[in-house]
Amino acid sequence: MARRQSRVLALRALFAIDVGRQDPADALRQALEGEPEGFADYARTLCEGVLEHKEEIDERISRLTRGWSLPRLASVDRSLLRLATYELMHQPRIPSTAVVSEAVELAGIYSTEEAPRFVNGVLARLAEEIGRPLRDRDQDQQEEVEKDDGSDH
């Protein structure tokens, strides 16, 4: 639940930066205003990570959105894809299935009826391309347990 709220906050800030052309620090501050620090920490990490790696992220998205240039994407979809692409590429401890599932859910809430399928397709291709294919949640959770307990399996 905390990561979901953090993603929503980061999405708000990224959208404001992209569409409203707001200063990144101002957009992030406004998005985080009044939010518990637990949500704000990961939202800040996400937003700053997207901005730091924006060129690389945009290049990846552009290659994967067959027939759609980045500027032609709906603004919320573009921001959401940037957010999830950052997580897939730079947050390896977060299971890829969780990242994609959450992005698809947020697309269903904040975008068009077609957006969840589009977002899922783009992110599934990205996950496969970078060696983090989507798997069963149970397998992802088991891998997290193994990482945490120091096991070599």
N, C-alpha and C. Protein backbone atom coordinates (compact mmCIF):
# COMPACT_ATOMS: atom_id res chain seq x y z
N MET A 1 0.82 -1.20 0.00
CA MET A 1 0.00 0.00 0.00
C MET A 1 0.86 1.26 0.00
N ALA A 2 1.94 1.26 0.76
CA ALA A 2 2.80 2.44 0.83
C ALA A 2 3.44 2.71 -0.53
N ARG A 3 3.90 1.66 -1.21
CA ARG A 3 4.51 1.88 -2.52
C ARG A 3 3.49 2.40 -3.52
N ARG A 4 2.26 1.90 -3.43
CA ARG A 4 1.24 2.39 -4.36
C ARG A 4 1.01 3.89 -4.16
N GLN A 5 0.85 4.31 -2.91
CA GLN A 5 0.64 5.73 -2.65
C GLN A 5 1.85 6.54 -3.08
N SER A 6 3.03 6.01 -2.88
CA SER A 6 4.25 6.69 -3.32
C SER A 6 4.26 6.85 -4.83
N ARG A 7 3.83 5.81 -5.54
CA ARG A 7 3.77 5.89 -7.00
C ARG A 7 2.77 6.94 -7.46
N VAL A 8 1.64 7.01 -6.80
CA VAL A 8 0.63 8.02 -7.15
C VAL A 8 1.21 9.43 -6.94
N LEU A 9 1.89 9.64 -5.84
CA LEU A 9 2.50 10.94 -5.57
C LEU A 9 3.57 11.29 -6.61
N ALA A 10 4.40 10.32 -6.94
CA ALA A 10 5.44 10.54 -7.96
C ALA A 10 4.79 10.80 -9.32
N LEU A 11 3.73 10.07 -9.63
CA LEU A 11 3.03 10.28 -10.90
C LEU A 11 2.48 11.71 -10.98
N ARG A 12 1.90 12.19 -9.90
CA ARG A 12 1.39 13.57 -9.87
C ARG A 12 2.50 14.58 -10.15
N ALA A 13 3.63 14.39 -9.50
CA ALA A 13 4.75 15.31 -9.69
C ALA A 13 5.28 15.23 -11.12
N LEU A 14 5.46 14.02 -11.64
CA LEU A 14 5.99 13.86 -12.99
C LEU A 14 5.03 14.45 -14.03
N PHE A 15 3.75 14.26 -13.81
CA PHE A 15 2.74 14.82 -14.71
C PHE A 15 2.81 16.35 -14.69
N ALA A 16 2.92 16.93 -13.51
CA ALA A 16 3.01 18.39 -13.39
C ALA A 16 4.27 18.93 -14.06
N ILE A 17 5.35 18.20 -13.96
CA ILE A 17 6.61 18.60 -14.60
C ILE A 17 6.46 18.53 -16.11
N ASP A 18 5.86 17.45 -16.60
CA ASP A 18 5.73 17.21 -18.03
C ASP A 18 4.71 18.13 -18.68
N VAL A 19 3.53 18.20 -18.12
CA VAL A 19 2.43 18.95 -18.73
C VAL A 19 2.43 20.40 -18.29
N GLY A 20 2.58 20.61 -16.99
CA GLY A 20 2.53 21.97 -16.45
C GLY A 20 3.84 22.71 -16.55
N ARG A 21 4.88 22.00 -17.00
CA ARG A 21 6.20 22.59 -17.11
C ARG A 21 6.66 23.21 -15.80
N GLN A 22 6.23 22.58 -14.70
CA GLN A 22 6.62 23.07 -13.38
C GLN A 22 8.07 22.72 -13.09
N ASP A 23 8.68 23.53 -12.27
CA ASP A 23 10.01 23.24 -11.78
C ASP A 23 9.93 21.92 -11.02
N PRO A 24 10.85 20.98 -11.27
CA PRO A 24 10.78 19.67 -10.61
C PRO A 24 10.71 19.75 -9.08
N ALA A 25 11.50 20.62 -8.47
CA ALA A 25 11.48 20.72 -7.01
C ALA A 25 10.12 21.21 -6.52
N ASP A 26 9.54 22.19 -7.21
CA ASP A 26 8.22 22.70 -6.83
C ASP A 26 7.14 21.64 -7.02
N ALA A 27 7.18 20.94 -8.14
CA ALA A 27 6.18 19.91 -8.42
C ALA A 27 6.24 18.81 -7.37
N LEU A 28 7.43 18.39 -7.03
CA LEU A 28 7.59 17.34 -6.02
C LEU A 28 7.12 17.83 -4.66
N ARG A 29 7.51 19.02 -4.30
CA ARG A 29 7.08 19.58 -3.01
C ARG A 29 5.56 19.65 -2.93
N GLN A 30 4.91 20.13 -3.98
CA GLN A 30 3.45 20.22 -3.99
C GLN A 30 2.79 18.84 -3.91
N ALA A 31 3.34 17.88 -4.63
CA ALA A 31 2.76 16.53 -4.63
C ALA A 31 2.89 15.87 -3.25
N LEU A 32 3.97 16.19 -2.54
CA LEU A 32 4.25 15.54 -1.25
C LEU A 32 3.68 16.30 -0.05
N GLU A 33 3.18 17.49 -0.29
CA GLU A 33 2.68 18.33 0.80
C GLU A 33 1.60 17.61 1.60
N GLY A 34 1.85 17.50 2.91
CA GLY A 34 0.89 16.90 3.81
C GLY A 34 0.89 15.37 3.82
N GLU A 35 1.76 14.76 3.06
CA GLU A 35 1.81 13.30 3.00
C GLU A 35 2.75 12.74 4.06
N PRO A 36 2.45 11.56 4.59
CA PRO A 36 3.36 10.93 5.56
C PRO A 36 4.74 10.70 4.94
N GLU A 37 5.75 10.86 5.75
CA GLU A 37 7.13 10.74 5.27
C GLU A 37 7.40 9.37 4.63
N GLY A 38 6.76 8.33 5.13
CA GLY A 38 6.94 7.00 4.54
C GLY A 38 6.57 6.96 3.07
N PHE A 39 5.49 7.62 2.70
CA PHE A 39 5.08 7.69 1.30
C PHE A 39 6.01 8.63 0.54
N ALA A 40 6.36 9.72 1.16
CA ALA A 40 7.14 10.76 0.50
C ALA A 40 8.55 10.27 0.13
N ASP A 41 9.16 9.46 0.98
CA ASP A 41 10.52 9.01 0.71
C ASP A 41 10.63 8.26 -0.62
N TYR A 42 9.77 7.26 -0.80
CA TYR A 42 9.85 6.48 -2.04
C TYR A 42 9.37 7.30 -3.23
N ALA A 43 8.38 8.16 -3.05
CA ALA A 43 7.93 9.03 -4.13
C ALA A 43 9.07 9.93 -4.59
N ARG A 44 9.82 10.45 -3.64
CA ARG A 44 10.97 11.30 -3.95
C ARG A 44 12.02 10.50 -4.73
N THR A 45 12.29 9.29 -4.27
CA THR A 45 13.25 8.42 -4.96
C THR A 45 12.82 8.19 -6.40
N LEU A 46 11.54 7.89 -6.59
CA LEU A 46 11.02 7.62 -7.93
C LEU A 46 11.13 8.85 -8.83
N CYS A 47 10.66 9.95 -8.33
CA CYS A 47 10.65 11.18 -9.13
C CYS A 47 12.07 11.61 -9.49
N GLU A 48 12.94 11.63 -8.52
CA GLU A 48 14.32 12.03 -8.78
C GLU A 48 15.02 11.04 -9.71
N GLY A 49 14.71 9.76 -9.56
CA GLY A 49 15.29 8.74 -10.44
C GLY A 49 14.84 8.90 -11.88
N VAL A 50 13.56 9.15 -12.07
CA VAL A 50 13.05 9.37 -13.43
C VAL A 50 13.74 10.58 -14.05
N LEU A 51 13.83 11.65 -13.32
CA LEU A 51 14.44 12.86 -13.85
C LEU A 51 15.93 12.67 -14.15
N GLU A 52 16.61 11.94 -13.28
CA GLU A 52 18.04 11.69 -13.49
C GLU A 52 18.30 10.82 -14.73
N HIS A 53 17.41 9.87 -14.99
CA HIS A 53 17.59 8.91 -16.09
C HIS A 53 16.62 9.15 -17.25
N LYS A 54 16.04 10.35 -17.32
CA LYS A 54 14.97 10.64 -18.27
C LYS A 54 15.36 10.35 -19.72
N GLU A 55 16.56 10.74 -20.12
CA GLU A 55 16.99 10.51 -21.50
C GLU A 55 17.01 9.02 -21.83
N GLU A 56 17.60 8.23 -20.97
CA GLU A 56 17.67 6.78 -21.16
C GLU A 56 16.26 6.17 -21.15
N ILE A 57 15.43 6.61 -20.22
CA ILE A 57 14.06 6.10 -20.10
C ILE A 57 13.26 6.44 -21.34
N ASP A 58 13.33 7.68 -21.79
CA ASP A 58 12.58 8.09 -22.97
C ASP A 58 13.02 7.33 -24.22
N GLU A 59 14.30 7.08 -24.32
CA GLU A 59 14.82 6.31 -25.47
C GLU A 59 14.23 4.90 -25.46
N ARG A 60 14.21 4.28 -24.30
CA ARG A 60 13.63 2.93 -24.18
C ARG A 60 12.15 2.91 -24.54
N ILE A 61 11.42 3.85 -23.97
CA ILE A 61 9.98 3.92 -24.24
C ILE A 61 9.73 4.16 -25.72
N SER A 62 10.47 5.05 -26.33
CA SER A 62 10.30 5.36 -27.74
C SER A 62 10.50 4.13 -28.62
N ARG A 63 11.46 3.31 -28.27
CA ARG A 63 11.70 2.08 -29.05
C ARG A 63 10.58 1.06 -28.87
N LEU A 64 9.98 1.05 -27.70
CA LEU A 64 8.98 0.03 -27.38
C LEU A 64 7.55 0.42 -27.75
N THR A 65 7.29 1.69 -27.96
CA THR A 65 5.93 2.13 -28.31
C THR A 65 5.81 2.17 -29.82
N ARG A 66 5.77 1.02 -30.39
CA ARG A 66 5.73 0.86 -31.85
C ARG A 66 4.63 1.72 -32.47
N GLY A 67 5.07 2.61 -33.37
CA GLY A 67 4.13 3.45 -34.08
C GLY A 67 3.67 4.68 -33.32
N TRP A 68 4.17 4.87 -32.11
CA TRP A 68 3.79 6.03 -31.30
C TRP A 68 5.05 6.76 -30.87
N SER A 69 5.16 8.02 -31.26
CA SER A 69 6.28 8.81 -30.76
C SER A 69 5.94 9.25 -29.33
N LEU A 70 6.93 9.52 -28.56
CA LEU A 70 6.73 9.91 -27.16
C LEU A 70 5.79 11.12 -27.03
N PRO A 71 5.95 12.16 -27.84
CA PRO A 71 5.03 13.31 -27.70
C PRO A 71 3.56 12.97 -28.05
N ARG A 72 3.33 11.93 -28.83
CA ARG A 72 1.97 11.55 -29.19
C ARG A 72 1.25 10.79 -28.10
N LEU A 73 1.98 10.26 -27.14
CA LEU A 73 1.35 9.52 -26.05
C LEU A 73 0.55 10.47 -25.17
N ALA A 74 -0.52 9.96 -24.60
CA ALA A 74 -1.26 10.75 -23.62
C ALA A 74 -0.29 11.11 -22.49
N SER A 75 -0.40 12.30 -21.98
CA SER A 75 0.55 12.79 -20.97
C SER A 75 0.62 11.89 -19.74
N VAL A 76 -0.52 11.43 -19.27
CA VAL A 76 -0.51 10.57 -18.09
C VAL A 76 0.15 9.24 -18.42
N ASP A 77 -0.08 8.72 -19.62
CA ASP A 77 0.56 7.46 -20.01
C ASP A 77 2.07 7.63 -20.10
N ARG A 78 2.50 8.73 -20.66
CA ARG A 78 3.93 9.01 -20.76
C ARG A 78 4.57 9.08 -19.37
N SER A 79 3.93 9.79 -18.46
CA SER A 79 4.46 9.90 -17.09
C SER A 79 4.46 8.55 -16.39
N LEU A 80 3.41 7.79 -16.58
CA LEU A 80 3.30 6.47 -15.95
C LEU A 80 4.34 5.50 -16.52
N LEU A 81 4.54 5.53 -17.83
CA LEU A 81 5.56 4.67 -18.44
C LEU A 81 6.96 5.06 -17.97
N ARG A 82 7.21 6.34 -17.82
CA ARG A 82 8.51 6.77 -17.32
C ARG A 82 8.74 6.25 -15.90
N LEU A 83 7.73 6.36 -15.08
CA LEU A 83 7.81 5.91 -13.70
C LEU A 83 8.10 4.41 -13.62
N ALA A 84 7.31 3.63 -14.33
CA ALA A 84 7.47 2.16 -14.28
C ALA A 84 8.77 1.72 -14.95
N THR A 85 9.16 2.42 -16.01
CA THR A 85 10.42 2.07 -16.68
C THR A 85 11.59 2.31 -15.73
N TYR A 86 11.55 3.42 -15.01
CA TYR A 86 12.60 3.67 -14.03
C TYR A 86 12.64 2.53 -13.00
N GLU A 87 11.49 2.15 -12.49
CA GLU A 87 11.46 1.08 -11.48
C GLU A 87 12.01 -0.23 -12.04
N LEU A 88 11.60 -0.58 -13.24
CA LEU A 88 12.08 -1.83 -13.83
C LEU A 88 13.58 -1.80 -14.07
N MET A 89 14.09 -0.68 -14.50
CA MET A 89 15.50 -0.59 -14.86
C MET A 89 16.43 -0.30 -13.69
N HIS A 90 15.92 0.39 -12.66
CA HIS A 90 16.82 0.88 -11.62
C HIS A 90 16.42 0.50 -10.19
N GLN A 91 15.36 -0.27 -10.05
CA GLN A 91 14.94 -0.73 -8.71
C GLN A 91 14.79 -2.26 -8.76
N PRO A 92 15.90 -2.97 -8.88
CA PRO A 92 15.83 -4.42 -9.08
C PRO A 92 15.22 -5.20 -7.91
N ARG A 93 15.17 -4.62 -6.73
CA ARG A 93 14.57 -5.34 -5.59
C ARG A 93 13.05 -5.33 -5.63
N ILE A 94 12.47 -4.47 -6.46
CA ILE A 94 11.02 -4.44 -6.60
C ILE A 94 10.66 -5.46 -7.68
N PRO A 95 9.83 -6.44 -7.37
CA PRO A 95 9.47 -7.46 -8.36
C PRO A 95 8.85 -6.84 -9.61
N SER A 96 9.29 -7.30 -10.77
CA SER A 96 8.79 -6.75 -12.04
C SER A 96 7.28 -6.91 -12.16
N THR A 97 6.75 -8.00 -11.67
CA THR A 97 5.31 -8.21 -11.73
C THR A 97 4.57 -7.13 -10.94
N ALA A 98 5.10 -6.76 -9.79
CA ALA A 98 4.47 -5.72 -8.97
C ALA A 98 4.52 -4.38 -9.67
N VAL A 99 5.64 -4.05 -10.29
CA VAL A 99 5.79 -2.77 -10.99
C VAL A 99 4.76 -2.68 -12.12
N VAL A 100 4.69 -3.72 -12.94
CA VAL A 100 3.80 -3.70 -14.10
C VAL A 100 2.34 -3.73 -13.66
N SER A 101 2.01 -4.57 -12.70
CA SER A 101 0.63 -4.64 -12.22
C SER A 101 0.16 -3.30 -11.69
N GLU A 102 1.00 -2.65 -10.93
CA GLU A 102 0.64 -1.35 -10.37
C GLU A 102 0.48 -0.30 -11.47
N ALA A 103 1.37 -0.30 -12.44
CA ALA A 103 1.27 0.66 -13.55
C ALA A 103 -0.02 0.45 -14.34
N VAL A 104 -0.37 -0.80 -14.56
CA VAL A 104 -1.60 -1.11 -15.28
C VAL A 104 -2.82 -0.63 -14.49
N GLU A 105 -2.82 -0.87 -13.18
CA GLU A 105 -3.92 -0.41 -12.34
C GLU A 105 -4.03 1.11 -12.35
N LEU A 106 -2.91 1.79 -12.24
CA LEU A 106 -2.93 3.26 -12.25
C LEU A 106 -3.38 3.79 -13.62
N ALA A 107 -3.00 3.12 -14.69
CA ALA A 107 -3.47 3.52 -16.02
C ALA A 107 -4.99 3.40 -16.09
N GLY A 108 -5.54 2.37 -15.47
CA GLY A 108 -6.98 2.19 -15.45
C GLY A 108 -7.70 3.27 -14.66
N ILE A 109 -7.05 3.79 -13.66
CA ILE A 109 -7.65 4.83 -12.82
C ILE A 109 -7.50 6.22 -13.45
N TYR A 110 -6.31 6.52 -13.97
CA TYR A 110 -5.99 7.88 -14.39
C TYR A 110 -6.01 8.14 -15.90
N SER A 111 -6.16 7.10 -16.70
CA SER A 111 -6.07 7.30 -18.14
C SER A 111 -7.31 6.76 -18.85
N THR A 112 -7.17 6.46 -20.11
CA THR A 112 -8.29 6.02 -20.94
C THR A 112 -8.57 4.52 -20.76
N GLU A 113 -9.63 4.09 -21.35
CA GLU A 113 -10.02 2.68 -21.27
C GLU A 113 -8.98 1.76 -21.91
N GLU A 114 -8.32 2.25 -22.96
CA GLU A 114 -7.33 1.45 -23.69
C GLU A 114 -5.95 1.46 -23.02
N ALA A 115 -5.73 2.40 -22.14
CA ALA A 115 -4.40 2.60 -21.56
C ALA A 115 -3.85 1.39 -20.80
N PRO A 116 -4.64 0.70 -19.98
CA PRO A 116 -4.04 -0.43 -19.24
C PRO A 116 -3.42 -1.49 -20.16
N ARG A 117 -4.10 -1.81 -21.23
CA ARG A 117 -3.56 -2.82 -22.15
C ARG A 117 -2.28 -2.32 -22.82
N PHE A 118 -2.29 -1.06 -23.24
CA PHE A 118 -1.13 -0.45 -23.87
C PHE A 118 0.07 -0.44 -22.92
N VAL A 119 -0.15 0.05 -21.70
CA VAL A 119 0.90 0.13 -20.69
C VAL A 119 1.44 -1.27 -20.39
N ASN A 120 0.56 -2.23 -20.24
CA ASN A 120 0.97 -3.61 -19.97
C ASN A 120 1.87 -4.13 -21.09
N GLY A 121 1.47 -3.91 -22.33
CA GLY A 121 2.26 -4.41 -23.46
C GLY A 121 3.64 -3.80 -23.52
N VAL A 122 3.72 -2.49 -23.34
CA VAL A 122 5.02 -1.81 -23.39
C VAL A 122 5.92 -2.29 -22.26
N LEU A 123 5.38 -2.35 -21.06
CA LEU A 123 6.21 -2.73 -19.91
C LEU A 123 6.58 -4.21 -19.93
N ALA A 124 5.71 -5.06 -20.44
CA ALA A 124 6.04 -6.49 -20.56
C ALA A 124 7.20 -6.67 -21.54
N ARG A 125 7.18 -5.93 -22.65
CA ARG A 125 8.29 -6.00 -23.61
C ARG A 125 9.58 -5.49 -22.97
N LEU A 126 9.48 -4.39 -22.22
CA LEU A 126 10.66 -3.85 -21.55
C LEU A 126 11.23 -4.86 -20.55
N ALA A 127 10.36 -5.42 -19.73
CA ALA A 127 10.80 -6.38 -18.71
C ALA A 127 11.53 -7.56 -19.37
N GLU A 128 11.00 -8.04 -20.47
CA GLU A 128 11.64 -9.15 -21.21
C GLU A 128 12.99 -8.69 -21.75
N GLU A 129 13.03 -7.51 -22.33
CA GLU A 129 14.24 -6.98 -22.95
C GLU A 129 15.38 -6.80 -21.95
N ILE A 130 15.06 -6.39 -20.73
CA ILE A 130 16.12 -6.14 -19.75
C ILE A 130 16.37 -7.34 -18.83
N GLY A 131 15.76 -8.47 -19.15
CA GLY A 131 16.00 -9.69 -18.38
C GLY A 131 15.23 -9.78 -17.08
N ARG A 132 14.09 -9.09 -17.01
CA ARG A 132 13.23 -9.16 -15.82
C ARG A 132 11.81 -9.54 -16.24
N PRO A 133 11.69 -10.69 -16.95
CA PRO A 133 10.36 -11.05 -17.47
C PRO A 133 9.33 -11.19 -16.36
N LEU A 134 8.09 -10.96 -16.74
CA LEU A 134 7.01 -11.04 -15.77
C LEU A 134 6.79 -12.50 -15.40
N ARG A 135 6.59 -12.71 -14.10
CA ARG A 135 6.39 -14.04 -13.58
C ARG A 135 5.28 -14.02 -12.56
N ASP A 136 5.03 -15.17 -12.07
CA ASP A 136 4.05 -15.35 -11.00
C ASP A 136 4.49 -14.59 -9.76
N ARG A 137 3.55 -13.92 -9.10
CA ARG A 137 3.87 -13.16 -7.87
C ARG A 137 4.52 -14.05 -6.81
N ASP A 138 4.09 -15.30 -6.70
CA ASP A 138 4.66 -16.19 -5.70
C ASP A 138 6.15 -16.41 -5.96
N GLN A 139 6.52 -16.54 -7.22
CA GLN A 139 7.93 -16.73 -7.55
C GLN A 139 8.72 -15.47 -7.20
N ASP A 140 8.18 -14.29 -7.52
CA ASP A 140 8.84 -13.04 -7.16
C ASP A 140 9.03 -12.93 -5.65
N GLN A 141 7.98 -13.27 -4.89
CA GLN A 141 8.06 -13.18 -3.44
C GLN A 141 9.10 -14.17 -2.89
N GLN A 142 9.15 -15.36 -3.45
CA GLN A 142 10.13 -16.35 -3.01
C GLN A 142 11.54 -15.85 -3.26
N GLU A 143 11.77 -15.21 -4.42
CA GLU A 143 13.09 -14.67 -4.72
C GLU A 143 13.46 -13.57 -3.73
N GLU A 144 12.49 -12.75 -3.33
CA GLU A 144 12.75 -11.71 -2.35
C GLU A 144 13.17 -12.32 -1.02
N VAL A 145 12.51 -13.39 -0.59
CA VAL A 145 12.85 -14.07 0.66
C VAL A 145 14.27 -14.62 0.57
N GLU A 146 14.60 -15.24 -0.56
CA GLU A 146 15.93 -15.80 -0.72
C GLU A 146 17.01 -14.73 -0.70
N LYS A 147 16.74 -13.57 -1.32
CA LYS A 147 17.70 -12.47 -1.29
C LYS A 147 17.91 -11.96 0.12
N ASP A 148 16.80 -11.85 0.85
CA ASP A 148 16.86 -11.29 2.19
C ASP A 148 17.56 -12.21 3.18
N ASP A 149 17.45 -13.54 3.00
CA ASP A 149 18.05 -14.44 3.98
C ASP A 149 19.48 -14.85 3.60
N GLY A 150 19.99 -14.27 2.52
CA GLY A 150 21.38 -14.54 2.15
C GLY A 150 21.58 -15.85 1.42
N SER A 151 20.54 -16.55 1.10
CA SER A 151 20.63 -17.82 0.40
C SER A 151 21.22 -17.62 -1.01
N ASP A 152 21.95 -18.62 -1.50
CA ASP A 152 22.56 -18.54 -2.83
C ASP A 152 21.70 -19.21 -3.89
N HIS A 153 20.53 -19.68 -3.60
CA HIS A 153 19.71 -20.40 -4.59
C HIS A 153 19.09 -19.43 -5.53
